Structure formats: structure tokens, C-alpha cells
Amino acid sequence: MVNPILKRALITWGEQAQMLMVVEEMSELMKEILKNINRKKDNVSQIIEETADVEIMLEQLKENYNIADAVAAYKNEKIKVIEQRLNDWDSKHSK
């Protein structure tokens, strides 16, 4: 269930504006991660802030497209794939 404040933001400011904001916030997070990796910048507080912004906007994205359940199911399947890859990695590298 989406946070009622986030649903209100989606209704108030409109789907298109909020979906563009999703992209903007993801871009800002990407920029901070790259600064941290490439420039060795101590910007963890900015990464925290931008991660929170992205998570908020992703909630609005899932509400906008009514895909929360499908995303959760797909995410669970992806995690199983990662687990299998890790198990395969461990078995290859523990010999």
C-alpha cells in the first residue's frame, strides 16, 4: 500500500511531472555514486539523501503504473537468481 502522502503528490502534481521527477532523482543518485567512486569524495550523506529521494519516487512510480505486486514478485525471482549465482560462485571458489 502506497503512502497516502505520496499518492497525494502523484495526484496533485500529475503523473507526467512525477515520472520525470523519478528520472531526475535517479540521475542525482547516480551522480553522487560516481563522485564517490571516481573522485573518492566523502559524500555518503548526499548518497543517503538521494537514495531516500529515489525510494520515494519509486513508490510513486509503482503507484502510477499499478505495478507494486508485479515488481515485488519479479524482485523475489531476481533474488533467487542472485542466490543461485552466489552458490555457484562459492562452489567454484571453495576448492
N, C-alpha and C. Protein backbone atom coordinates (compact mmCIF):
# COMPACT_ATOMS: atom_id res chain seq x y z
N MET A 1 0.84 -1.18 0.00
CA MET A 1 0.00 0.00 0.00
C MET A 1 0.88 1.24 0.00
N VAL A 2 0.58 2.12 -0.89
CA VAL A 2 1.39 3.33 -1.02
C VAL A 2 1.06 4.31 0.11
N ASN A 3 2.07 5.04 0.50
CA ASN A 3 1.89 6.09 1.49
C ASN A 3 0.89 7.12 0.95
N PRO A 4 -0.11 7.49 1.75
CA PRO A 4 -1.12 8.43 1.24
C PRO A 4 -0.55 9.79 0.84
N ILE A 5 0.51 10.20 1.47
CA ILE A 5 1.14 11.48 1.09
C ILE A 5 1.75 11.36 -0.30
N LEU A 6 2.38 10.22 -0.58
CA LEU A 6 2.98 10.02 -1.91
C LEU A 6 1.91 9.92 -2.99
N LYS A 7 0.80 9.27 -2.66
CA LYS A 7 -0.32 9.20 -3.62
C LYS A 7 -0.87 10.60 -3.86
N ARG A 8 -0.98 11.39 -2.81
CA ARG A 8 -1.46 12.77 -2.94
C ARG A 8 -0.53 13.59 -3.83
N ALA A 9 0.78 13.41 -3.67
CA ALA A 9 1.75 14.12 -4.51
C ALA A 9 1.56 13.75 -5.98
N LEU A 10 1.33 12.47 -6.23
CA LEU A 10 1.12 12.00 -7.59
C LEU A 10 -0.12 12.63 -8.20
N ILE A 11 -1.18 12.71 -7.42
CA ILE A 11 -2.44 13.30 -7.89
C ILE A 11 -2.29 14.81 -8.06
N THR A 12 -1.67 15.46 -7.08
CA THR A 12 -1.56 16.92 -7.08
C THR A 12 -0.68 17.44 -8.22
N TRP A 13 0.50 16.85 -8.37
CA TRP A 13 1.44 17.37 -9.35
C TRP A 13 1.36 16.67 -10.70
N GLY A 14 0.64 15.57 -10.77
CA GLY A 14 0.41 14.91 -12.04
C GLY A 14 1.40 13.81 -12.34
N GLU A 15 0.90 12.84 -13.09
CA GLU A 15 1.69 11.67 -13.41
C GLU A 15 2.95 12.00 -14.20
N GLN A 16 2.80 12.81 -15.24
CA GLN A 16 3.97 13.10 -16.09
C GLN A 16 5.06 13.80 -15.30
N ALA A 17 4.69 14.82 -14.54
CA ALA A 17 5.69 15.56 -13.76
C ALA A 17 6.39 14.65 -12.75
N GLN A 18 5.63 13.79 -12.11
CA GLN A 18 6.23 12.92 -11.11
C GLN A 18 7.10 11.83 -11.74
N MET A 19 6.72 11.34 -12.92
CA MET A 19 7.56 10.34 -13.59
C MET A 19 8.86 10.97 -14.07
N LEU A 20 8.80 12.21 -14.49
CA LEU A 20 10.05 12.92 -14.83
C LEU A 20 10.91 13.13 -13.60
N MET A 21 10.26 13.34 -12.46
CA MET A 21 10.99 13.51 -11.20
C MET A 21 11.69 12.20 -10.79
N VAL A 22 11.07 11.07 -11.12
CA VAL A 22 11.73 9.78 -10.86
C VAL A 22 13.08 9.75 -11.56
N VAL A 23 13.08 10.11 -12.83
CA VAL A 23 14.30 10.09 -13.63
C VAL A 23 15.32 11.09 -13.07
N GLU A 24 14.86 12.27 -12.71
CA GLU A 24 15.75 13.29 -12.16
C GLU A 24 16.42 12.80 -10.87
N GLU A 25 15.63 12.22 -9.99
CA GLU A 25 16.19 11.77 -8.71
C GLU A 25 17.16 10.61 -8.91
N MET A 26 16.86 9.71 -9.86
CA MET A 26 17.80 8.62 -10.13
C MET A 26 19.11 9.17 -10.68
N SER A 27 19.01 10.19 -11.50
CA SER A 27 20.21 10.83 -12.06
C SER A 27 21.06 11.46 -10.96
N GLU A 28 20.40 12.09 -10.01
CA GLU A 28 21.14 12.73 -8.91
C GLU A 28 21.84 11.68 -8.04
N LEU A 29 21.19 10.54 -7.81
CA LEU A 29 21.83 9.48 -7.05
C LEU A 29 23.02 8.93 -7.82
N MET A 30 22.83 8.71 -9.11
CA MET A 30 23.91 8.21 -9.94
C MET A 30 25.12 9.16 -9.88
N LYS A 31 24.86 10.45 -9.95
CA LYS A 31 25.94 11.44 -9.91
C LYS A 31 26.72 11.35 -8.60
N GLU A 32 26.02 11.20 -7.49
CA GLU A 32 26.69 11.12 -6.19
C GLU A 32 27.49 9.82 -6.04
N ILE A 33 26.97 8.72 -6.56
CA ILE A 33 27.70 7.46 -6.52
C ILE A 33 28.98 7.57 -7.35
N LEU A 34 28.87 8.17 -8.53
CA LEU A 34 30.05 8.33 -9.38
C LEU A 34 31.09 9.24 -8.73
N LYS A 35 30.65 10.30 -8.07
CA LYS A 35 31.59 11.17 -7.35
C LYS A 35 32.34 10.38 -6.30
N ASN A 36 31.60 9.52 -5.60
CA ASN A 36 32.20 8.74 -4.52
C ASN A 36 33.23 7.77 -5.07
N ILE A 37 32.92 7.12 -6.18
CA ILE A 37 33.81 6.11 -6.75
C ILE A 37 34.97 6.76 -7.50
N ASN A 38 34.67 7.68 -8.40
CA ASN A 38 35.69 8.24 -9.28
C ASN A 38 36.56 9.29 -8.62
N ARG A 39 35.98 10.09 -7.77
CA ARG A 39 36.73 11.19 -7.14
C ARG A 39 37.09 10.90 -5.70
N LYS A 40 36.71 9.72 -5.22
CA LYS A 40 36.97 9.34 -3.82
C LYS A 40 36.41 10.39 -2.86
N LYS A 41 35.29 10.97 -3.25
CA LYS A 41 34.67 12.04 -2.47
C LYS A 41 33.92 11.44 -1.27
N ASP A 42 34.06 12.09 -0.12
CA ASP A 42 33.34 11.67 1.08
C ASP A 42 31.96 12.33 1.05
N ASN A 43 31.01 11.68 0.37
CA ASN A 43 29.69 12.26 0.17
C ASN A 43 28.58 11.29 0.57
N VAL A 44 28.84 10.49 1.58
CA VAL A 44 27.85 9.48 1.99
C VAL A 44 26.55 10.15 2.40
N SER A 45 26.61 11.32 3.01
CA SER A 45 25.36 11.99 3.41
C SER A 45 24.53 12.36 2.17
N GLN A 46 25.17 12.75 1.08
CA GLN A 46 24.45 13.05 -0.15
C GLN A 46 23.88 11.77 -0.76
N ILE A 47 24.63 10.67 -0.66
CA ILE A 47 24.14 9.39 -1.17
C ILE A 47 22.91 8.96 -0.37
N ILE A 48 22.93 9.15 0.92
CA ILE A 48 21.77 8.83 1.77
C ILE A 48 20.56 9.65 1.32
N GLU A 49 20.76 10.95 1.17
CA GLU A 49 19.66 11.83 0.78
C GLU A 49 19.08 11.44 -0.58
N GLU A 50 19.95 11.20 -1.54
CA GLU A 50 19.47 10.87 -2.89
C GLU A 50 18.84 9.48 -2.93
N THR A 51 19.34 8.55 -2.13
CA THR A 51 18.72 7.23 -2.06
C THR A 51 17.31 7.34 -1.52
N ALA A 52 17.12 8.14 -0.48
CA ALA A 52 15.77 8.34 0.06
C ALA A 52 14.86 8.95 -0.99
N ASP A 53 15.36 9.95 -1.72
CA ASP A 53 14.56 10.57 -2.77
C ASP A 53 14.15 9.56 -3.84
N VAL A 54 15.09 8.71 -4.24
CA VAL A 54 14.79 7.71 -5.27
C VAL A 54 13.76 6.71 -4.75
N GLU A 55 13.92 6.27 -3.52
CA GLU A 55 12.95 5.32 -2.97
C GLU A 55 11.54 5.92 -2.92
N ILE A 56 11.45 7.18 -2.55
CA ILE A 56 10.15 7.87 -2.54
C ILE A 56 9.55 7.91 -3.93
N MET A 57 10.37 8.27 -4.91
CA MET A 57 9.87 8.39 -6.27
C MET A 57 9.53 7.03 -6.87
N LEU A 58 10.27 5.99 -6.50
CA LEU A 58 9.93 4.66 -7.00
C LEU A 58 8.58 4.19 -6.46
N GLU A 59 8.25 4.59 -5.24
CA GLU A 59 6.93 4.27 -4.70
C GLU A 59 5.83 4.93 -5.55
N GLN A 60 6.08 6.18 -5.94
CA GLN A 60 5.11 6.87 -6.80
C GLN A 60 5.03 6.22 -8.18
N LEU A 61 6.17 5.78 -8.70
CA LEU A 61 6.19 5.12 -9.99
C LEU A 61 5.35 3.83 -9.94
N LYS A 62 5.55 3.04 -8.91
CA LYS A 62 4.78 1.79 -8.78
C LYS A 62 3.29 2.07 -8.64
N GLU A 63 2.94 3.13 -7.93
CA GLU A 63 1.53 3.50 -7.80
C GLU A 63 0.97 4.00 -9.13
N ASN A 64 1.74 4.80 -9.83
CA ASN A 64 1.29 5.36 -11.10
C ASN A 64 0.94 4.26 -12.11
N TYR A 65 1.78 3.24 -12.17
CA TYR A 65 1.58 2.17 -13.13
C TYR A 65 0.87 0.95 -12.54
N ASN A 66 0.51 1.04 -11.26
CA ASN A 66 -0.16 -0.05 -10.56
C ASN A 66 0.61 -1.36 -10.71
N ILE A 67 1.91 -1.30 -10.36
CA ILE A 67 2.79 -2.45 -10.60
C ILE A 67 3.50 -2.94 -9.33
N ALA A 68 3.08 -2.50 -8.17
CA ALA A 68 3.79 -2.85 -6.94
C ALA A 68 3.88 -4.36 -6.74
N ASP A 69 2.79 -5.06 -6.92
CA ASP A 69 2.80 -6.51 -6.71
C ASP A 69 3.67 -7.22 -7.73
N ALA A 70 3.58 -6.80 -8.98
CA ALA A 70 4.39 -7.41 -10.03
C ALA A 70 5.88 -7.15 -9.80
N VAL A 71 6.22 -5.95 -9.35
CA VAL A 71 7.62 -5.62 -9.06
C VAL A 71 8.13 -6.48 -7.91
N ALA A 72 7.31 -6.63 -6.86
CA ALA A 72 7.72 -7.44 -5.72
C ALA A 72 7.96 -8.89 -6.13
N ALA A 73 7.08 -9.42 -6.95
CA ALA A 73 7.23 -10.81 -7.41
C ALA A 73 8.49 -10.96 -8.26
N TYR A 74 8.71 -10.03 -9.16
CA TYR A 74 9.88 -10.09 -10.04
C TYR A 74 11.16 -9.94 -9.22
N LYS A 75 11.11 -9.06 -8.24
CA LYS A 75 12.27 -8.84 -7.36
C LYS A 75 12.61 -10.12 -6.61
N ASN A 76 11.61 -10.82 -6.11
CA ASN A 76 11.85 -12.08 -5.41
C ASN A 76 12.50 -13.11 -6.31
N GLU A 77 12.05 -13.17 -7.57
CA GLU A 77 12.65 -14.10 -8.52
C GLU A 77 14.10 -13.71 -8.82
N LYS A 78 14.36 -12.44 -8.96
CA LYS A 78 15.73 -11.97 -9.22
C LYS A 78 16.65 -12.31 -8.05
N ILE A 79 16.14 -12.18 -6.83
CA ILE A 79 16.95 -12.51 -5.65
C ILE A 79 17.28 -14.00 -5.64
N LYS A 80 16.36 -14.84 -6.06
CA LYS A 80 16.65 -16.28 -6.17
C LYS A 80 17.76 -16.54 -7.17
N VAL A 81 17.74 -15.82 -8.29
CA VAL A 81 18.80 -15.96 -9.29
C VAL A 81 20.15 -15.54 -8.71
N ILE A 82 20.15 -14.44 -7.98
CA ILE A 82 21.40 -13.98 -7.34
C ILE A 82 21.90 -15.03 -6.35
N GLU A 83 20.98 -15.58 -5.57
CA GLU A 83 21.36 -16.61 -4.61
C GLU A 83 22.00 -17.80 -5.32
N GLN A 84 21.42 -18.24 -6.43
CA GLN A 84 21.98 -19.36 -7.17
C GLN A 84 23.37 -19.02 -7.71
N ARG A 85 23.53 -17.81 -8.22
CA ARG A 85 24.85 -17.40 -8.71
C ARG A 85 25.88 -17.38 -7.59
N LEU A 86 25.47 -16.93 -6.41
CA LEU A 86 26.38 -16.93 -5.26
C LEU A 86 26.75 -18.35 -4.86
N ASN A 87 25.77 -19.22 -4.86
CA ASN A 87 26.03 -20.62 -4.54
C ASN A 87 27.00 -21.24 -5.55
N ASP A 88 26.78 -20.94 -6.82
CA ASP A 88 27.69 -21.43 -7.87
C ASP A 88 29.09 -20.87 -7.67
N TRP A 89 29.18 -19.59 -7.36
CA TRP A 89 30.46 -18.92 -7.11
C TRP A 89 31.18 -19.60 -5.95
N ASP A 90 30.45 -19.80 -4.86
CA ASP A 90 31.06 -20.43 -3.68
C ASP A 90 31.58 -21.82 -3.98
N SER A 91 30.81 -22.59 -4.73
CA SER A 91 31.24 -23.96 -5.02
C SER A 91 32.46 -23.97 -5.93
N LYS A 92 32.59 -23.01 -6.83
CA LYS A 92 33.76 -22.94 -7.73
C LYS A 92 35.00 -22.43 -7.01
N HIS A 93 34.81 -21.54 -6.03
CA HIS A 93 35.95 -20.89 -5.40
C HIS A 93 36.31 -21.45 -4.04
N SER A 94 35.66 -22.48 -3.61
CA SER A 94 35.97 -23.05 -2.30
C SER A 94 36.82 -24.31 -2.42
N LYS A 95 37.22 -24.61 -3.64
CA LYS A 95 38.02 -25.84 -3.86
C LYS A 95 39.49 -25.58 -3.71
